[in-house]
Amino acid sequence: MNVKFYAPQWGNTLPFDTFCENVKSAGYNGVELALPFDEKGKEEILKTVEKHGLEIIGQYWQSLEKDLELHAENYEKYLRNLISAKPVLINCQTGKDYYTFEQNKRLFDLAAKLSEESGIEIIHETHRNKSLYAAHVTQDYLTKLPDLRICLDISHWCNVHESLLEDQQEAVELAISRAHHIHSRVGFQEGPQINDPRAPEWTEILETHLNWWDRVAESHRKAGRTMTITTEFGPALYMPVMPYTQTPLANQWDVNVFMLDLLKKRYLS
């Protein structure tokens, strides 16, 4: 099967050209990132990505407005800005956890309209604080909206439900069947990100996530689809830190490259 890997721009503190050089050298296919509205800044980013032979996945995370009218207006602006860059796909942290089904559906419908107009796939991330913040809530959306496709970041659900979802198998299976993209961060019962997936104390939890991702991979293989994965371990304070100094307990870049190599070996060898 064909699998492509993307590095998160989130957390990068290097000059963007240096970052892209490192992304290419590590063996990624591209970068997942948000884009500025400033045309000059956006053009510089896209030229740098092209220079290094990388692809982009557009990322929308700015679902901050409480007022639905303003929220929907800005949602469309951000999506059109990402569409203009012709990304591989657009991944959205859509809506709010306190919006009603119909309010969030309005945003899903808007994204579907823009996707149909542009020919660019727009999917919706399972993320805390957003519409798809919990397994059972997402199950309801996916059941009622059969065309809805998601980015599966199941680490959030482990945190939300304070479990490894042992009692939510139907919801998990439905989400796996609709997953068109993965964020391969590893969460646990008390947080959305373990401190270091290389540490032996996390073996069981890492294996649980790998088994979930394996089922997404199998679904893609059967459908003949390219599987896309962003290794999205985040910086502090997603990355746990030491008290007082706020020193991260692991290096974000090193952890993500470890996940890249692990998943490449698992799915491409």
Protein backbone atom coordinates (compact mmCIF):
# COMPACT_ATOMS: atom_id res chain seq x y z
CA MET A 1 0.00 0.00 0.00
CA ASN A 2 1.02 3.63 -0.48
CA VAL A 3 1.64 5.63 2.71
CA LYS A 4 2.78 9.24 2.94
CA PHE A 5 4.14 10.93 6.05
CA TYR A 6 3.91 14.57 7.09
CA ALA A 7 5.75 16.56 9.75
CA PRO A 8 3.84 19.02 11.93
CA GLN A 9 4.94 22.62 11.56
CA TRP A 10 3.42 23.14 15.02
CA GLY A 11 6.23 23.61 17.53
CA ASN A 12 8.94 24.46 15.01
CA THR A 13 11.25 27.26 16.15
CA LEU A 14 13.79 27.05 13.33
CA PRO A 15 13.80 29.21 10.18
CA PHE A 16 11.21 27.65 7.88
CA ASP A 17 13.77 26.84 5.18
CA THR A 18 15.91 24.96 7.72
CA PHE A 19 12.86 23.18 9.05
CA CYS A 20 11.87 22.02 5.55
CA GLU A 21 15.42 20.86 4.87
CA ASN A 22 15.27 18.77 8.05
CA VAL A 23 11.83 17.42 7.14
CA LYS A 24 13.08 16.27 3.75
CA SER A 25 16.27 14.76 5.17
CA ALA A 26 14.28 12.81 7.78
CA GLY A 27 12.26 11.14 5.00
CA TYR A 28 8.92 12.89 5.24
CA ASN A 29 6.76 13.54 2.17
CA GLY A 30 5.53 16.90 3.37
CA VAL A 31 4.38 19.25 6.11
CA GLU A 32 1.03 19.81 7.80
CA LEU A 33 0.60 23.50 8.52
CA ALA A 34 -1.65 26.53 8.70
CA LEU A 35 -1.12 29.40 6.26
CA PRO A 36 -1.16 33.16 6.81
CA PHE A 37 -3.56 35.43 4.97
CA ASP A 38 -0.68 37.70 3.99
CA GLU A 39 -0.05 36.81 0.34
CA LYS A 40 3.67 37.51 0.44
CA GLY A 41 4.16 35.39 3.55
CA LYS A 42 2.04 32.60 2.12
CA GLU A 43 3.94 32.65 -1.18
CA GLU A 44 7.28 32.42 0.64
CA ILE A 45 6.07 29.37 2.58
CA LEU A 46 4.80 27.63 -0.54
CA LYS A 47 7.97 28.39 -2.52
CA THR A 48 10.09 26.99 0.30
CA VAL A 49 8.01 23.82 0.48
CA GLU A 50 8.28 23.40 -3.30
CA LYS A 51 12.03 24.07 -3.21
CA HIS A 52 12.49 21.08 -0.93
CA GLY A 53 10.18 18.82 -2.93
CA LEU A 54 7.59 18.61 -0.18
CA GLU A 55 3.79 18.47 -0.17
CA ILE A 56 1.46 20.24 2.23
CA ILE A 57 -1.60 19.31 4.20
CA GLY A 58 -3.56 22.41 5.12
CA GLN A 59 -4.46 22.76 8.78
CA TYR A 60 -7.30 24.73 10.30
CA TRP A 61 -7.31 25.03 14.11
CA GLN A 62 -8.57 28.58 14.65
CA SER A 63 -12.14 27.66 15.70
CA LEU A 64 -12.13 30.20 18.51
CA GLU A 65 -15.27 32.30 18.08
CA LYS A 66 -18.28 31.59 20.28
CA ASP A 67 -20.76 33.39 18.01
CA LEU A 68 -21.77 30.96 15.26
CA GLU A 69 -22.26 33.61 12.56
CA LEU A 70 -18.78 35.02 13.05
CA HIS A 71 -17.39 31.51 13.45
CA ALA A 72 -18.85 30.36 10.13
CA GLU A 73 -17.68 33.51 8.36
CA ASN A 74 -14.10 33.08 9.53
CA TYR A 75 -14.19 29.31 8.94
CA GLU A 76 -14.91 29.92 5.27
CA LYS A 77 -12.15 32.54 5.02
CA TYR A 78 -9.57 30.18 6.49
CA LEU A 79 -10.66 27.27 4.31
CA ARG A 80 -10.61 29.33 1.11
CA ASN A 81 -7.12 30.56 2.03
CA LEU A 82 -5.94 26.97 2.43
CA ILE A 83 -7.71 25.84 -0.75
CA SER A 84 -5.80 28.48 -2.73
CA ALA A 85 -2.55 26.64 -1.91
CA LYS A 86 -3.86 23.39 -3.48
CA PRO A 87 -2.88 21.11 -0.59
CA VAL A 88 -3.09 17.32 -0.58
CA LEU A 89 -6.05 17.73 1.77
CA ILE A 90 -7.28 20.06 4.49
CA ASN A 91 -7.60 18.91 8.08
CA CYS A 92 -9.99 20.94 10.25
CA GLN A 93 -10.56 21.22 13.97
CA THR A 94 -14.18 22.02 13.19
CA GLY A 95 -16.77 23.56 15.48
CA LYS A 96 -17.09 23.60 19.25
CA ASP A 97 -17.93 20.98 21.86
CA TYR A 98 -20.75 23.20 23.17
CA TYR A 99 -22.39 23.82 19.79
CA THR A 100 -25.50 21.81 19.04
CA PHE A 101 -25.56 19.12 16.39
CA GLU A 102 -27.25 21.49 13.95
CA GLN A 103 -24.74 24.28 14.63
CA ASN A 104 -21.76 22.04 13.98
CA LYS A 105 -23.55 20.49 11.00
CA ARG A 106 -23.73 23.93 9.42
CA LEU A 107 -19.92 24.01 9.47
CA PHE A 108 -19.61 20.47 8.14
CA ASP A 109 -22.01 21.36 5.32
CA LEU A 110 -20.01 24.49 4.50
CA ALA A 111 -16.80 22.47 4.35
CA ALA A 112 -18.47 19.90 2.09
CA LYS A 113 -19.62 22.67 -0.27
CA LEU A 114 -16.11 24.15 -0.47
CA SER A 115 -14.62 20.69 -0.97
CA GLU A 116 -16.98 19.96 -3.86
CA GLU A 117 -16.25 23.34 -5.45
CA SER A 118 -12.48 22.99 -5.18
CA GLY A 119 -11.96 19.26 -5.58
CA ILE A 120 -9.84 19.27 -2.40
CA GLU A 121 -10.76 16.84 0.36
CA ILE A 122 -11.67 18.53 3.65
CA ILE A 123 -11.77 16.33 6.72
CA HIS A 124 -12.49 16.95 10.40
CA GLU A 125 -10.24 16.12 13.34
CA THR A 126 -11.22 14.27 16.49
CA HIS A 127 -10.02 16.91 18.92
CA ARG A 128 -10.88 18.08 22.41
CA ASN A 129 -12.90 21.30 22.60
CA LYS A 130 -14.12 20.81 19.00
CA SER A 131 -17.20 19.15 17.52
CA LEU A 132 -15.70 15.64 17.48
CA TYR A 133 -14.28 15.80 20.98
CA ALA A 134 -15.55 12.43 22.24
CA ALA A 135 -16.03 8.94 20.84
CA HIS A 136 -19.77 8.66 21.49
CA VAL A 137 -20.43 12.18 20.15
CA THR A 138 -18.45 11.43 16.99
CA GLN A 139 -20.35 8.17 16.59
CA ASP A 140 -23.59 10.15 16.51
CA TYR A 141 -22.25 12.57 13.88
CA LEU A 142 -20.85 9.78 11.71
CA THR A 143 -24.10 7.82 11.92
CA LYS A 144 -26.23 10.80 10.93
CA LEU A 145 -23.78 12.20 8.36
CA PRO A 146 -22.60 9.26 6.22
CA ASP A 147 -20.34 11.40 4.02
CA LEU A 148 -18.38 12.86 6.95
CA ARG A 149 -14.68 11.95 6.88
CA ILE A 150 -12.25 12.46 9.74
CA CYS A 151 -8.67 12.84 10.82
CA LEU A 152 -8.35 10.26 13.57
CA ASP A 153 -6.40 11.69 16.49
CA ILE A 154 -7.57 9.11 18.98
CA SER A 155 -5.16 10.35 21.66
CA HIS A 156 -7.74 13.01 22.55
CA TRP A 157 -10.44 10.44 23.22
CA CYS A 158 -8.19 8.49 25.59
CA ASN A 159 -7.90 11.69 27.61
CA VAL A 160 -11.57 12.70 27.36
CA HIS A 161 -12.86 9.27 28.38
CA GLU A 162 -10.01 8.57 30.83
CA SER A 163 -9.60 5.14 29.29
CA LEU A 164 -8.19 3.21 26.36
CA LEU A 165 -11.76 3.10 25.03
CA GLU A 166 -12.37 -0.51 26.01
CA ASP A 167 -16.08 0.23 26.42
CA GLN A 168 -16.44 2.30 23.22
CA GLN A 169 -15.61 -0.32 20.59
CA GLU A 170 -18.54 0.46 18.27
CA ALA A 171 -17.65 4.14 18.21
CA VAL A 172 -13.97 3.37 17.60
CA GLU A 173 -14.72 0.95 14.77
CA LEU A 174 -16.98 3.47 13.04
CA ALA A 175 -14.33 6.18 13.39
CA ILE A 176 -11.68 3.87 11.94
CA SER A 177 -13.91 3.20 8.93
CA ARG A 178 -14.22 6.97 8.26
CA ALA A 179 -10.60 7.92 8.95
CA HIS A 180 -8.94 9.48 5.89
CA HIS A 181 -5.90 10.79 7.78
CA ILE A 182 -4.12 10.01 11.06
CA HIS A 183 -2.35 12.08 13.66
CA SER A 184 -0.04 9.52 15.22
CA ARG A 185 0.24 11.04 18.66
CA VAL A 186 -0.09 8.62 21.56
CA GLY A 187 -2.40 9.62 24.37
CA PHE A 188 -3.21 7.95 27.66
CA GLN A 189 -5.89 7.96 30.31
CA GLU A 190 -4.72 11.19 31.94
CA GLY A 191 -3.49 13.22 28.98
CA PRO A 192 -3.41 13.61 25.18
CA GLN A 193 0.32 12.87 24.91
CA ILE A 194 2.65 10.48 26.68
CA ASN A 195 6.05 11.97 27.46
CA ASP A 196 8.12 9.64 25.26
CA PRO A 197 6.89 6.68 23.19
CA ARG A 198 10.38 5.18 23.29
CA ALA A 199 10.14 4.58 27.04
CA PRO A 200 9.28 0.97 28.02
CA GLU A 201 6.61 1.97 30.52
CA TRP A 202 4.41 3.11 27.61
CA THR A 203 4.72 -0.09 25.56
CA GLU A 204 1.18 -1.31 26.16
CA ILE A 205 -0.38 2.06 25.39
CA LEU A 206 1.77 2.50 22.26
CA GLU A 207 0.73 -0.97 21.07
CA THR A 208 -2.93 -0.08 21.62
CA HIS A 209 -2.57 2.94 19.33
CA LEU A 210 -0.61 0.94 16.76
CA ASN A 211 -3.42 -1.61 16.64
CA TRP A 212 -5.95 1.15 15.99
CA TRP A 213 -3.77 2.60 13.21
CA ASP A 214 -3.24 -0.87 11.75
CA ARG A 215 -6.99 -1.15 11.21
CA VAL A 216 -7.05 2.22 9.46
CA ALA A 217 -4.18 1.02 7.26
CA GLU A 218 -6.05 -2.18 6.41
CA SER A 219 -9.14 -0.16 5.50
CA HIS A 220 -7.05 1.99 3.16
CA ARG A 221 -5.35 -1.03 1.64
CA LYS A 222 -8.68 -2.66 0.84
CA ALA A 223 -10.01 0.57 -0.67
CA GLY A 224 -6.85 1.20 -2.68
CA ARG A 225 -6.38 4.61 -1.03
CA THR A 226 -3.15 6.35 -0.14
CA MET A 227 -2.81 6.55 3.63
CA THR A 228 -1.56 9.85 5.08
CA ILE A 229 -0.06 10.20 8.54
CA THR A 230 1.17 13.26 10.43
CA THR A 231 3.48 12.40 13.32
CA GLU A 232 1.95 15.01 15.58
CA PHE A 233 3.65 14.81 18.95
CA GLY A 234 3.52 18.40 20.11
CA PRO A 235 5.77 20.86 21.95
CA ALA A 236 5.38 21.98 25.56
CA LEU A 237 2.90 21.99 27.14
CA TYR A 238 1.55 19.07 25.16
CA MET A 239 4.97 17.65 25.82
CA PRO A 240 5.12 17.24 29.63
CA VAL A 241 7.71 19.45 31.29
CA MET A 242 9.80 19.61 34.45
CA PRO A 243 8.50 21.82 37.24
CA TYR A 244 10.09 25.25 37.74
CA THR A 245 12.32 25.10 34.65
CA GLN A 246 9.55 24.07 32.23
CA THR A 247 12.12 21.92 30.42
CA PRO A 248 10.40 19.41 28.08
CA LEU A 249 10.83 15.79 29.13
CA ALA A 250 11.68 14.75 25.57
CA ASN A 251 12.69 16.40 22.31
CA GLN A 252 9.65 16.92 20.06
CA TRP A 253 11.56 16.50 16.81
CA ASP A 254 13.31 13.33 17.95
CA VAL A 255 10.05 11.78 19.13
CA ASN A 256 8.31 12.55 15.84
CA VAL A 257 11.17 11.12 13.79
CA PHE A 258 11.04 8.01 15.98
CA MET A 259 7.35 7.69 15.13
CA LEU A 260 8.10 8.26 11.44
CA ASP A 261 10.69 5.48 11.38
CA LEU A 262 8.50 3.13 13.43
CA LEU A 263 5.49 3.57 11.16
CA LYS A 264 7.54 3.41 7.96
CA LYS A 265 8.96 0.08 9.07
CA ARG A 266 5.48 -1.13 10.03
CA TYR A 267 3.64 -0.09 6.85
CA LEU A 268 6.26 0.14 4.09
CA SER A 269 8.58 -2.79 4.75
